[in-house]
Protein backbone atom coordinates (compact mmCIF):
# COMPACT_ATOMS: atom_id res chain seq x y z
CA MET A 1 52.55 12.88 -29.82
CA GLN A 2 52.89 10.10 -32.57
CA ILE A 3 51.57 11.33 -36.02
CA PRO A 4 50.15 8.46 -38.21
CA GLU A 5 52.08 8.04 -41.33
CA TYR A 6 49.12 8.49 -43.59
CA TYR A 7 48.60 12.01 -42.55
CA ASN A 8 48.69 14.64 -45.29
CA PRO A 9 52.15 16.25 -45.70
CA VAL A 10 50.54 19.58 -46.52
CA ALA A 11 49.12 19.52 -43.00
CA ARG A 12 52.57 18.85 -41.63
CA ASP A 13 54.04 21.74 -43.58
CA ILE A 14 51.28 24.01 -42.46
CA ALA A 15 51.99 23.09 -38.82
CA GLN A 16 55.66 23.79 -39.34
CA ALA A 17 54.98 27.22 -40.90
CA LEU A 18 52.77 28.12 -37.92
CA ILE A 19 55.38 27.10 -35.38
CA ASP A 20 57.99 29.04 -37.40
CA GLY A 21 55.83 32.15 -37.33
CA PHE A 22 55.40 31.87 -33.48
CA ASN A 23 59.12 31.15 -32.85
CA LYS A 24 60.02 34.22 -34.83
CA HIS A 25 57.56 36.29 -32.87
CA TYR A 26 58.88 35.07 -29.46
CA ARG A 27 62.52 35.45 -30.53
CA LEU A 28 61.86 39.15 -31.50
CA PHE A 29 59.89 39.62 -28.26
CA ARG A 30 62.69 38.26 -26.09
CA GLU A 31 65.28 40.46 -28.03
CA CYS A 32 63.23 43.44 -27.20
CA ASN A 33 63.00 42.62 -23.62
CA GLN A 34 66.64 41.82 -23.35
CA LYS A 35 67.49 45.28 -24.65
CA ALA A 36 65.75 46.82 -21.59
CA ARG A 37 68.77 46.07 -19.40
CA GLN A 38 70.96 48.19 -21.69
CA LEU A 39 68.33 50.95 -21.80
CA PHE A 40 68.20 50.97 -18.02
CA ASP A 41 71.87 51.05 -17.64
CA ASP A 42 72.11 53.96 -20.23
CA ALA A 43 69.24 55.80 -18.45
CA ASP A 44 67.52 55.90 -21.93
CA TRP A 45 64.00 56.45 -20.58
CA GLN A 46 62.65 57.56 -24.03
CA GLY A 47 64.01 54.27 -25.35
CA VAL A 48 62.26 52.26 -22.59
CA GLN A 49 58.89 53.86 -23.50
CA LYS A 50 59.56 53.30 -27.21
CA ALA A 51 60.31 49.60 -26.66
CA ILE A 52 57.10 49.04 -24.73
CA ARG A 53 55.15 50.90 -27.33
CA ASP A 54 56.70 49.22 -30.38
CA ARG A 55 56.55 45.69 -28.86
CA ILE A 56 52.75 45.83 -28.85
CA GLN A 57 52.70 45.51 -32.58
CA PHE A 58 55.09 42.49 -32.86
CA TYR A 59 52.29 39.86 -32.44
CA ASP A 60 49.96 41.23 -35.16
CA ASP A 61 52.80 41.69 -37.57
CA ARG A 62 53.90 38.03 -37.18
CA VAL A 63 50.31 36.78 -37.49
CA SER A 64 49.91 38.67 -40.71
CA GLU A 65 53.21 37.39 -41.99
CA THR A 66 52.15 33.79 -41.22
CA VAL A 67 48.61 34.27 -42.88
CA ALA A 68 50.31 35.61 -45.95
CA ARG A 69 52.76 32.70 -46.07
CA LEU A 70 50.02 30.09 -45.62
CA ASN A 71 47.81 31.69 -48.36
CA THR A 72 50.79 31.99 -50.75
CA GLU A 73 52.35 28.60 -50.27
CA PHE A 74 49.39 26.39 -49.49
CA HIS A 75 46.24 28.41 -50.60
CA ALA A 76 45.20 27.71 -46.96
CA ASP A 77 41.86 29.60 -47.28
CA LEU A 78 40.76 26.90 -49.78
CA LEU A 79 41.84 23.78 -47.73
CA ASP A 80 39.22 21.31 -46.51
CA ASP A 81 38.49 20.58 -42.91
CA ASP A 82 40.41 17.35 -42.70
CA ILE A 83 43.66 19.11 -43.45
CA TRP A 84 43.14 21.77 -40.81
CA GLN A 85 42.30 18.96 -38.22
CA GLN A 86 45.55 17.19 -39.11
CA ALA A 87 47.56 20.41 -39.07
CA LYS A 88 46.25 20.93 -35.41
CA LEU A 89 47.45 17.43 -34.48
CA TYR A 90 50.90 17.96 -36.11
CA PHE A 91 51.16 21.27 -34.25
CA ILE A 92 50.41 19.69 -30.88
CA GLY A 93 53.23 17.24 -31.62
CA LEU A 94 55.59 20.11 -32.29
CA LEU A 95 54.76 21.56 -28.75
CA THR A 96 55.73 18.50 -26.83
CA ASN A 97 59.07 20.01 -25.62
CA HIS A 98 58.32 23.63 -26.31
CA LYS A 99 59.12 26.31 -23.75
CA GLN A 100 56.10 28.45 -24.58
CA PRO A 101 53.38 25.99 -25.57
CA GLU A 102 50.40 28.05 -24.30
CA LEU A 103 51.50 31.12 -26.25
CA ALA A 104 52.07 29.03 -29.49
CA GLU A 105 48.53 27.64 -29.07
CA THR A 106 47.21 31.20 -28.94
CA PHE A 107 49.08 32.17 -31.98
CA PHE A 108 47.75 29.15 -33.88
CA ASN A 109 44.22 30.48 -32.91
CA SER A 110 45.03 33.99 -34.07
CA VAL A 111 46.27 32.83 -37.45
CA PHE A 112 43.36 30.49 -38.01
CA THR A 113 40.72 32.91 -37.03
CA ARG A 114 42.33 35.65 -39.12
CA MET A 115 41.80 33.47 -42.17
CA LEU A 116 38.58 31.57 -41.73
CA HIS A 117 35.00 32.52 -40.90
CA ARG A 118 34.01 32.75 -37.33
CA ASP A 119 31.75 29.70 -37.71
CA TYR A 120 34.83 27.63 -37.12
CA PHE A 121 35.90 29.28 -33.94
CA ASN A 122 34.12 27.13 -31.51
CA ASN A 123 34.96 23.79 -32.87
CA ASP A 124 37.90 21.29 -32.94
CA PHE A 125 40.05 23.40 -35.37
CA ILE A 126 41.38 25.80 -32.61
CA PHE A 127 42.52 25.39 -29.03
CA ILE A 128 39.47 26.06 -26.96
CA ARG A 129 41.32 24.52 -23.99
CA PRO A 130 45.12 24.18 -23.59
CA ALA A 131 46.47 20.90 -25.08
CA ILE A 132 49.84 20.98 -23.48
CA SER A 133 50.50 21.45 -19.80
CA THR A 134 52.72 24.26 -18.64
CA GLU A 135 53.56 22.72 -15.31
CA TYR A 136 57.18 21.95 -14.61
CA ILE A 137 58.71 23.26 -17.86
CA GLU A 138 62.36 23.50 -17.29
CA SER A 139 64.14 26.88 -18.00
CA ASP A 140 67.77 27.61 -18.48
CA PRO A 141 68.63 29.52 -16.49
CA PRO A 142 65.91 28.71 -14.00
CA SER A 143 62.95 31.12 -13.63
CA TYR A 144 64.01 31.97 -10.13
CA ARG A 145 67.07 31.72 -7.97
CA SER A 146 67.14 30.59 -4.31
CA TYR A 147 69.34 32.08 -1.56
CA TYR A 148 69.88 30.66 2.05
CA PRO A 149 70.69 33.26 4.63
CA ALA A 150 71.43 30.55 7.18
CA LYS A 151 74.74 30.04 5.42
CA SER A 152 75.82 33.64 5.84
CA SER A 153 74.36 36.89 7.17
CA LEU A 154 71.04 38.18 5.98
CA ARG A 155 72.60 41.48 4.99
CA ALA A 156 75.32 39.70 2.96
CA VAL A 157 72.70 37.55 1.15
CA THR A 158 70.57 40.59 0.35
CA LYS A 159 73.51 42.42 -1.07
CA ARG A 160 74.37 39.32 -3.21
CA ILE A 161 70.70 39.13 -4.48
CA ILE A 162 70.98 42.73 -5.71
CA ARG A 163 74.50 42.32 -7.21
CA ASP A 164 73.52 39.05 -8.99
CA PHE A 165 71.43 41.06 -11.45
CA GLY A 166 74.68 42.40 -12.90
CA TRP A 167 73.72 45.95 -13.62
CA ARG A 168 76.64 47.90 -15.15
CA ARG A 169 76.14 51.16 -13.08
CA PRO A 170 77.44 51.26 -9.54
CA PHE A 171 75.24 51.67 -6.51
CA ALA A 172 75.55 54.94 -4.68
CA ASP A 173 75.68 53.14 -1.29
CA LEU A 174 74.42 49.59 -1.27
CA ASN A 175 75.31 49.17 2.51
CA ARG A 176 73.06 51.92 3.39
CA ASP A 177 70.18 50.79 1.13
CA THR A 178 70.42 47.28 2.45
CA ALA A 179 70.39 48.43 6.04
CA PHE A 180 67.19 50.50 5.24
CA LEU A 181 65.61 47.57 3.51
CA LEU A 182 66.16 45.14 6.38
CA ARG A 183 65.16 47.75 9.04
CA TYR A 184 61.88 48.41 7.11
CA ALA A 185 61.23 44.68 6.67
CA HIS A 186 61.85 43.93 10.32
CA GLU A 187 59.53 46.71 11.38
CA PHE A 188 56.78 45.67 9.06
CA LEU A 189 57.06 41.96 9.76
CA GLN A 190 57.84 42.31 13.48
CA GLY A 191 57.00 38.99 15.17
CA ILE A 192 56.73 36.87 12.03
CA TRP A 193 60.00 37.62 10.24
CA PRO A 194 62.14 34.49 10.29
CA LYS A 195 64.81 34.33 13.04
CA PRO A 196 68.40 34.42 11.98
CA GLU A 197 68.94 30.82 12.87
CA ALA A 198 65.78 29.66 10.93
CA ASN A 199 66.42 27.57 7.89
CA PHE A 200 64.49 29.67 5.41
CA GLN A 201 65.14 30.65 1.82
CA ILE A 202 64.71 33.69 -0.35
CA GLN A 203 63.37 33.04 -3.87
CA VAL A 204 63.92 35.72 -6.48
CA LEU A 205 62.75 35.79 -10.16
CA SER A 206 65.83 35.67 -12.29
CA SER A 207 65.05 38.71 -14.56
CA PRO A 208 64.40 42.14 -13.34
CA PHE A 209 61.19 43.78 -14.54
CA TYR A 210 61.63 47.12 -16.39
CA ARG A 211 59.07 49.92 -16.77
CA ASN A 212 59.48 53.67 -17.08
CA LYS A 213 62.69 54.58 -15.05
CA THR A 214 62.55 51.61 -12.60
CA ALA A 215 63.89 48.11 -12.42
CA TYR A 216 61.84 45.96 -10.09
CA ILE A 217 63.11 42.85 -8.19
CA PHE A 218 60.32 40.34 -7.35
CA GLY A 219 60.59 37.51 -4.94
CA LYS A 220 59.42 35.93 -1.62
CA VAL A 221 60.86 34.70 1.61
CA VAL A 222 59.82 31.01 2.17
CA ASN A 223 59.91 29.70 5.82
CA GLY A 224 58.33 26.33 6.07
CA GLY A 225 54.66 26.61 4.97
CA ASN A 226 54.77 30.39 5.06
CA SER A 227 55.91 32.80 2.44
CA TYR A 228 56.31 36.62 2.38
CA PRO A 229 56.26 38.34 -0.95
CA PHE A 230 58.33 41.34 -1.70
CA ALA A 231 59.13 43.80 -4.53
CA ILE A 232 62.15 46.11 -4.56
CA PRO A 233 62.33 49.11 -6.94
CA VAL A 234 65.75 50.07 -8.25
CA LEU A 235 66.33 53.56 -9.58
CA HIS A 236 68.93 56.03 -10.72
CA ASP A 237 69.93 58.92 -8.55
CA ALA A 238 70.71 62.44 -9.66
CA ALA A 239 74.41 61.42 -10.24
CA GLY A 240 73.45 58.33 -12.37
CA ARG A 241 74.20 55.73 -9.70
CA LEU A 242 71.79 53.20 -8.57
CA TYR A 243 69.82 52.92 -5.30
CA LEU A 244 66.96 50.94 -3.73
CA ASP A 245 63.97 53.22 -3.35
CA THR A 246 61.86 51.02 -0.97
CA ILE A 247 60.55 47.49 -0.40
CA LEU A 248 56.94 46.59 -0.86
CA LEU A 249 55.82 43.76 1.38
CA GLU A 250 51.95 43.82 1.22
CA PRO A 251 50.59 41.68 -1.49
CA TRP A 252 47.97 44.25 -2.44
CA ARG A 253 50.63 46.92 -2.78
CA ILE A 254 52.77 44.66 -5.00
CA GLY A 255 49.56 43.92 -6.91
CA VAL A 256 49.17 47.63 -7.75
CA LEU A 257 52.35 47.27 -9.84
CA PHE A 258 50.37 44.88 -12.10
CA SER A 259 47.35 47.18 -12.16
CA PHE A 260 45.34 47.51 -15.44
CA SER A 261 46.21 51.15 -15.36
CA ARG A 262 49.99 50.62 -15.72
CA ALA A 263 52.15 50.09 -18.71
CA TYR A 264 53.31 46.57 -19.47
CA PHE A 265 56.67 45.38 -18.15
CA LEU A 266 59.67 44.54 -20.09
CA VAL A 267 61.07 41.19 -18.71
CA ASP A 268 63.13 38.49 -20.31
CA MET A 269 61.59 35.04 -19.91
CA GLU A 270 62.43 31.76 -21.53
CA VAL A 271 59.42 30.11 -19.90
CA PRO A 272 56.71 32.71 -19.20
CA SER A 273 54.45 30.20 -17.59
CA GLY A 274 57.09 29.75 -14.83
CA TYR A 275 57.00 33.49 -14.15
CA VAL A 276 53.26 33.53 -14.12
CA GLN A 277 53.19 30.64 -11.63
CA PHE A 278 55.71 32.25 -9.38
CA LEU A 279 53.77 35.63 -9.41
CA ARG A 280 50.53 33.86 -8.60
CA GLY A 281 52.18 32.43 -5.56
CA MET A 282 53.01 35.96 -4.50
CA LEU A 283 49.74 37.50 -5.61
CA PRO A 284 46.83 34.98 -5.42
CA SER A 285 44.33 37.70 -6.15
CA LYS A 286 45.74 38.31 -9.59
CA THR A 287 44.53 36.06 -12.41
CA LYS A 288 46.72 34.42 -14.97
CA ALA A 289 45.07 36.77 -17.61
CA GLU A 290 46.18 39.90 -15.62
CA LEU A 291 49.73 38.58 -15.15
CA TYR A 292 50.25 37.45 -18.71
CA THR A 293 48.91 40.86 -19.91
CA MET A 294 51.25 42.82 -17.70
CA LEU A 295 54.26 40.71 -18.82
CA GLY A 296 53.72 42.09 -22.22
CA LEU A 297 51.93 39.02 -23.53
CA GLN A 298 48.59 40.74 -23.95
CA LYS A 299 47.28 38.32 -26.50
CA GLN A 300 47.81 35.36 -24.11
CA GLY A 301 46.17 37.50 -21.35
CA LYS A 302 43.18 38.22 -23.71
CA ASN A 303 42.88 34.44 -24.55
CA THR A 304 42.96 33.46 -20.86
CA PHE A 305 40.54 36.27 -19.96
CA TYR A 306 38.04 34.99 -22.51
CA ARG A 307 38.36 31.26 -21.29
CA ASP A 308 37.76 32.49 -17.75
CA PHE A 309 34.77 34.68 -18.90
CA MET A 310 33.22 31.67 -20.67
CA GLN A 311 33.68 29.68 -17.45
CA HIS A 312 31.95 32.33 -15.42
CA LEU A 313 28.98 32.44 -17.83
CA GLN A 314 28.51 28.72 -17.24
CA HIS A 315 28.43 29.11 -13.43
CA SER A 316 26.26 32.27 -13.31
CA ASP A 317 22.72 33.12 -14.14
CA ASP A 318 22.47 37.06 -13.92
CA GLN A 319 21.72 39.14 -16.92
CA PHE A 320 23.80 41.77 -18.81
CA VAL A 321 22.39 45.15 -17.96
CA ILE A 322 23.13 48.81 -19.03
CA ALA A 323 25.94 50.06 -16.91
CA PRO A 324 24.98 52.60 -14.25
CA GLY A 325 25.91 56.18 -14.56
CA ILE A 326 25.26 58.91 -17.17
CA ARG A 327 24.92 57.46 -20.73
CA GLY A 328 27.84 58.31 -22.97
CA LEU A 329 27.50 60.11 -26.30
CA VAL A 330 29.90 57.83 -28.20
CA MET A 331 30.02 54.34 -26.32
CA LEU A 332 27.29 52.12 -25.35
CA VAL A 333 28.34 50.43 -22.10
CA PHE A 334 26.79 47.26 -20.41
CA THR A 335 27.90 44.99 -17.65
CA LEU A 336 27.29 41.71 -15.88
CA PRO A 337 26.71 42.43 -12.26
CA SER A 338 28.44 39.23 -11.04
CA TYR A 339 31.54 39.98 -13.22
CA PRO A 340 33.95 42.89 -12.38
CA TYR A 341 34.20 44.25 -15.99
CA VAL A 342 32.25 46.46 -18.24
CA PHE A 343 31.69 45.84 -22.11
CA LYS A 344 31.81 48.99 -24.44
CA LEU A 345 30.90 49.32 -28.10
CA ILE A 346 30.98 52.32 -30.33
CA LYS A 347 27.53 53.54 -31.26
CA ASP A 348 26.52 53.92 -34.86
CA VAL A 349 25.48 57.60 -34.37
CA PHE A 350 27.07 59.80 -31.76
CA GLY A 351 25.09 62.13 -29.58
CA GLY A 352 25.47 65.86 -29.07
CA PRO A 353 28.12 67.84 -30.74
CA LYS A 354 30.71 65.05 -31.25
CA GLU A 355 32.70 65.56 -34.46
CA MET A 356 34.33 62.24 -35.01
CA ASP A 357 33.80 58.81 -36.52
CA ARG A 358 34.29 55.24 -35.54
CA ALA A 359 37.78 55.04 -36.97
CA THR A 360 38.87 58.00 -34.83
CA VAL A 361 37.47 56.52 -31.62
CA LYS A 362 39.39 53.26 -32.36
CA GLN A 363 42.56 55.31 -33.01
CA LYS A 364 42.12 57.00 -29.53
CA TYR A 365 41.92 53.49 -27.87
CA ARG A 366 45.04 52.33 -29.80
CA LEU A 367 46.79 55.47 -28.52
CA VAL A 368 45.94 54.47 -24.83
CA LYS A 369 47.07 50.91 -25.42
CA ARG A 370 50.53 52.03 -26.73
CA HIS A 371 51.01 55.02 -24.31
CA ASP A 372 52.43 55.00 -20.80
CA ARG A 373 49.22 54.97 -18.67
CA VAL A 374 51.17 56.13 -15.51
CA GLY A 375 48.59 54.42 -13.28
CA ARG A 376 45.76 56.77 -14.40
CA MET A 377 44.20 55.31 -17.52
CA ALA A 378 42.33 52.00 -17.85
CA ASP A 379 43.71 49.35 -20.18
CA THR A 380 41.15 47.63 -22.44
CA LEU A 381 40.89 44.28 -24.15
CA GLU A 382 39.61 44.56 -27.66
CA PHE A 383 37.47 41.69 -29.15
CA SER A 384 35.85 41.00 -32.47
CA ASN A 385 32.68 38.87 -33.08
CA VAL A 386 31.92 37.91 -29.51
CA ALA A 387 28.82 35.68 -29.15
CA PHE A 388 26.83 36.10 -25.94
CA PRO A 389 23.88 33.94 -25.00
CA ARG A 390 20.76 35.92 -25.88
CA HIS A 391 18.66 34.99 -22.88
CA ARG A 392 21.32 36.66 -20.62
CA PHE A 393 20.51 40.14 -22.07
CA THR A 394 17.79 42.17 -20.50
CA ASP A 395 14.98 43.46 -22.88
CA GLU A 396 16.22 47.03 -22.15
CA LEU A 397 19.73 46.30 -23.17
CA ILE A 398 18.62 44.57 -26.46
CA GLY A 399 16.50 47.59 -27.15
CA GLU A 400 19.50 50.01 -26.72
CA LEU A 401 21.65 47.83 -29.00
CA ARG A 402 19.11 47.84 -31.66
CA ALA A 403 18.45 51.59 -31.39
CA LEU A 404 22.12 52.88 -30.88
CA ALA A 405 24.47 50.28 -32.44
CA PRO A 406 22.41 48.00 -34.92
CA SER A 407 25.44 47.65 -37.26
CA MET A 408 27.49 46.25 -34.41
CA MET A 409 25.27 43.36 -33.53
CA GLU A 410 23.88 40.16 -35.10
CA GLU A 411 20.82 38.50 -33.52
CA SER A 412 19.85 34.87 -33.70
CA GLU A 413 17.51 32.88 -31.78
CA GLY A 414 20.01 31.79 -29.24
CA SER A 415 22.79 34.34 -29.35
CA ILE A 416 23.75 37.99 -29.82
CA VAL A 417 27.02 38.62 -31.67
CA ILE A 418 28.88 41.90 -31.04
CA LYS A 419 31.15 42.56 -33.83
CA HIS A 420 33.58 44.89 -32.04
CA LEU A 421 33.95 45.30 -28.33
CA TYR A 422 36.10 46.78 -25.67
CA ILE A 423 36.27 45.16 -22.16
CA GLU A 424 37.42 47.12 -19.13
CA ARG A 425 37.81 46.62 -15.39
CA ARG A 426 34.58 47.96 -13.83
CA MET A 427 34.93 51.10 -11.54
CA LYS A 428 32.49 53.25 -9.82
CA PRO A 429 31.96 56.42 -11.83
CA LEU A 430 33.51 59.34 -10.04
CA ASN A 431 30.29 61.51 -10.27
CA LEU A 432 28.36 58.78 -8.45
CA TYR A 433 31.09 58.25 -5.99
CA LEU A 434 31.09 61.91 -4.97
CA MET A 435 27.34 61.67 -4.37
CA SER A 436 27.71 58.88 -1.90
CA CYS A 437 30.85 59.54 0.03
CA ASP A 438 31.46 61.54 3.26
CA ALA A 439 33.17 64.86 3.48
CA ALA A 440 36.64 63.42 4.24
CA GLU A 441 36.62 60.97 1.44
CA LYS A 442 35.18 63.60 -0.91
CA GLU A 443 38.17 65.83 -0.21
CA ARG A 444 40.61 62.91 -0.69
CA VAL A 445 39.12 61.80 -3.97
CA VAL A 446 38.79 65.41 -5.39
CA ARG A 447 42.47 65.88 -4.61
CA ASP A 448 43.30 62.54 -6.28
CA TYR A 449 41.23 63.59 -9.32
CA GLY A 450 43.47 66.61 -9.70
CA LEU A 451 46.56 64.58 -9.28
CA ALA A 452 45.31 62.14 -11.93
CA ILE A 453 44.91 65.12 -14.44
CA LYS A 454 48.38 66.53 -13.54
CA GLU A 455 50.10 62.99 -13.91
CA LEU A 456 48.34 62.47 -17.34
CA ALA A 457 49.53 65.93 -18.40
CA SER A 458 53.22 65.07 -17.39
CA ALA A 459 52.82 61.81 -19.44
CA ASN A 460 51.69 64.01 -22.54
CA ILE A 461 47.96 63.15 -22.23
CA PHE A 462 45.16 65.78 -22.14
CA PRO A 463 41.97 63.97 -21.28
CA GLY A 464 39.85 66.43 -23.38
CA ASP A 465 36.57 65.78 -21.57
CA MET A 466 37.28 66.18 -17.79
CA LEU A 467 33.81 65.68 -16.45
CA PHE A 468 33.61 63.54 -13.40
CA LYS A 469 31.55 60.94 -15.23
CA ASN A 470 34.56 60.11 -17.39
CA PHE A 471 36.67 59.11 -14.39
CA GLY A 472 36.25 56.07 -12.07
CA VAL A 473 37.34 55.07 -8.66
CA THR A 474 39.03 51.70 -8.24
CA ARG A 475 38.68 49.26 -5.36
CA TYR A 476 41.76 50.84 -3.93
CA GLY A 477 40.22 54.28 -4.04
CA ARG A 478 42.36 55.60 -6.91
CA VAL A 479 41.00 57.88 -9.53
CA ILE A 480 41.31 56.44 -13.10
CA PHE A 481 40.39 58.09 -16.49
CA TYR A 482 38.44 55.76 -18.78
CA ASP A 483 36.66 57.75 -21.54
CA TYR A 484 39.08 58.24 -24.47
CA ASP A 485 37.01 59.71 -27.46
CA GLU A 486 38.39 63.20 -26.85
CA ILE A 487 41.93 62.37 -25.72
CA GLU A 488 44.78 64.28 -27.20
CA TYR A 489 48.48 64.56 -26.82
CA MET A 490 49.39 67.53 -24.72
CA THR A 491 51.89 68.62 -27.45
CA ASP A 492 48.98 68.85 -30.01
CA CYS A 493 46.91 71.32 -27.82
CA ASN A 494 47.12 75.02 -27.79
CA PHE A 495 46.48 76.24 -24.17
CA ARG A 496 45.36 79.83 -24.16
CA ARG A 497 44.12 82.46 -21.82
CA ILE A 498 40.78 84.11 -22.67
CA PRO A 499 41.59 87.58 -24.01
CA PRO A 500 39.90 90.61 -22.43
CA ALA A 501 36.51 91.56 -23.99
CA PRO A 502 36.61 94.58 -26.19
CA ASN A 503 33.70 96.20 -24.14
CA PRO A 504 31.47 95.32 -21.21
CA GLU A 505 28.48 94.57 -23.44
CA MET A 506 30.41 91.86 -25.37
CA GLU A 507 31.56 90.26 -22.12
CA MET A 508 28.01 90.15 -20.71
CA SER A 509 26.53 88.81 -23.94
CA GLY A 510 27.54 85.29 -23.49
CA GLU A 511 28.85 85.18 -27.08
CA VAL A 512 32.58 84.37 -27.81
CA TRP A 513 34.46 87.45 -28.83
CA TYR A 514 37.65 85.69 -29.89
CA PRO A 515 38.56 83.20 -32.50
CA VAL A 516 38.70 79.52 -31.52
CA ALA A 517 40.56 76.85 -33.48
CA ARG A 518 40.04 73.15 -33.22
CA ASN A 519 42.72 72.31 -30.53
CA ASP A 520 42.44 75.47 -28.55
CA VAL A 521 41.94 74.84 -24.83
CA PHE A 522 41.08 77.54 -22.24
CA PRO A 523 41.79 76.26 -18.82
CA GLU A 524 39.95 79.13 -17.19
CA GLU A 525 36.72 77.53 -18.40
CA PHE A 526 37.30 74.32 -16.50
CA GLY A 527 35.88 75.66 -13.33
CA THR A 528 32.48 76.47 -14.99
CA PHE A 529 31.61 72.93 -15.88
CA LEU A 530 33.47 71.03 -13.23
CA LEU A 531 33.10 72.96 -9.93
CA GLY A 532 29.30 73.50 -9.46
CA ASP A 533 29.37 71.68 -6.05
CA PRO A 534 30.59 74.29 -3.44
CA VAL A 535 32.50 71.57 -1.46
CA VAL A 536 34.07 70.19 -4.53
CA ARG A 537 34.98 73.59 -5.68
CA LYS A 538 36.62 74.52 -2.34
CA THR A 539 38.75 71.35 -2.27
CA PHE A 540 39.77 71.70 -5.91
CA LEU A 541 40.87 75.23 -5.58
CA LYS A 542 42.66 74.36 -2.38
CA TYR A 543 44.91 71.78 -4.04
CA HIS A 544 44.70 72.30 -7.79
CA ARG A 545 43.96 75.96 -8.66
CA ASP A 546 46.95 75.88 -11.06
CA LEU A 547 44.89 73.59 -13.28
CA LEU A 548 42.65 76.66 -14.14
CA ASP A 549 45.82 78.58 -15.45
CA ALA A 550 47.07 78.14 -19.09
CA GLY A 551 50.55 78.81 -17.75
CA PHE A 552 50.57 75.46 -15.87
CA TRP A 553 49.67 73.52 -19.06
CA GLN A 554 52.20 75.49 -21.13
CA GLN A 555 54.90 74.65 -18.71
CA ARG A 556 54.10 70.95 -18.81
CA GLN A 557 54.09 71.12 -22.61
CA GLN A 558 57.61 72.67 -22.50
CA ARG A 559 59.06 69.92 -20.26
CA ILE A 560 57.55 67.19 -22.64
CA ARG A 561 59.09 68.89 -25.69
CA GLU A 562 62.43 69.03 -23.94
CA GLY A 563 62.37 65.29 -23.58
CA PHE A 564 61.88 65.19 -19.81
CA ILE A 565 60.41 61.96 -18.29
CA GLU A 566 58.69 62.44 -14.99
CA ASP A 567 59.11 60.14 -11.98
CA PHE A 568 55.92 58.30 -11.17
CA TYR A 569 55.92 56.17 -8.03
CA PRO A 570 53.25 53.45 -7.84
CA TYR A 571 53.43 53.60 -4.00
CA PRO A 572 53.07 56.29 -1.45
CA GLU A 573 55.89 58.84 -1.20
CA GLU A 574 56.22 58.13 2.63
CA MET A 575 57.32 54.62 1.88
CA ARG A 576 60.37 55.66 -0.06
CA PHE A 577 63.58 55.40 2.00
CA VAL A 578 64.54 59.00 1.15
CA ASN A 579 61.50 60.18 3.10
CA ARG A 580 61.31 57.40 5.80
CA PHE A 581 64.98 57.37 6.78
CA ALA A 582 66.19 60.76 5.61
CA SER A 583 67.57 61.76 8.94
CA ALA A 584 69.69 58.52 9.06
CA GLY A 585 70.63 58.37 5.38
CA GLN A 586 74.16 59.62 4.60
CA GLY A 587 74.04 60.90 1.00
CA MET A 588 70.31 60.69 0.74
CA GLU A 589 70.31 64.21 -0.61
CA ARG A 590 71.54 62.75 -3.90
CA ILE A 591 68.30 60.92 -4.38
CA PRO A 592 65.48 62.88 -6.17
CA ALA A 593 62.60 63.16 -3.78
């Protein structure tokens, strides 16, 4: 873009300061992602979790630095509108050949809205819509590599794909793993897998995706107008060598890897829009917002989500209503029936015996954002000062807001502004789900509920309030925890057995005869408030009786304190090669099952 010579040099310097702030952010972001390869090679699983956790704060730190610089050097909070409009034009000019223009625009918005009043948010001073296209931005190296099996054998090409990632650790038996992979793919894609003589290609994203103890390879087989996505998890065996654990070929199963209940990936990208575009070709049901978020670019995901939400409001006419289910004591929850999300805000006064304040609740949500969610906790998008069209709210919902959270809302003739808000993927509350499903499904979901609690415990999370109303069932039938106001680290809890009563009269009185400290937990009591339904009780005791024993929890605590990181597989155990091909797998005993 050509900038007229008469433009104010202060505006030009502000634009340069903004791009400097963003470039510093993305440089540090990439350096963190690049370290993931070393952490994976070193089997430093604590380091992987720390990198994902620490990286979340990078963005806000750079925004704060840039705000401080603009206020110190330019007294930016006192500048008039003309300078800000010019600064935006200069900024657009600086993005012409930028590799991450969409992220830089979001950074500009974050800095601007941090400094100035929200009255400016919906005008020409910020990027309401993208100004720079992200199509066809060149990357060096390219975002993905292409391989042509017709020029050699498919097995040789598959092995080359794996080796091209350049991991330092050797593979235990890449010939064996490649044979299993191709055998599984041929069985799954029987009749549609390209013939050996076909002129097809395999496209693979250039950087592996790291999370927990796994590196993922994402790609697709392209044969004419057809494409077949795949994901290959690479793990360490007990001897420290690498192996291919399975291959995922169904788009919905690959999509589960990008679920809102998982931790963000560490992946090195020069041009993130190229990765998002490639992944959307593999997973058309995933939105850009979801993919940017799972790539660790949660601010871009949040910005894209909000744009999509505003678009949805323009093309829908239903009203926001109070979310179905038992009303919470801490959070007021509402939803838009035509949109698959819920909106949660913290009440002014908590109901019942809750002993906490707003700051504590916010801290619990930050804990979940930074923690490994192991596929069992819902991620949230946090927003401030969100304006909704007033006529889209039911009278009942407005009444609830006025009664329970008046400090969190501002009303005008045409809008309602919520000052602080969490947005979560909508799920069916587990208590309602159990009331409507058949016996077989009830057994399956109660078993998955217990597994969810055990997996959270292994990840150092104690849910606190384990009532069914605090869990939801996803569209894939998976049980997810979503109420965080009583969440605690496992290592902060004191799991105890109830001591014997000193006499029968004391035991029958219903009064507690033993001292109870704040973080004391008595697992024997769980059955009292969880297992009133005889069918639920029978199933729960069949699969998860150990959850009622303090010894189970103490054992999990000990493993956490010893630094042990559990294995969590975001796909069924029967899909793992160790289980599917164990009888044919020489050396498979070296792989942890």
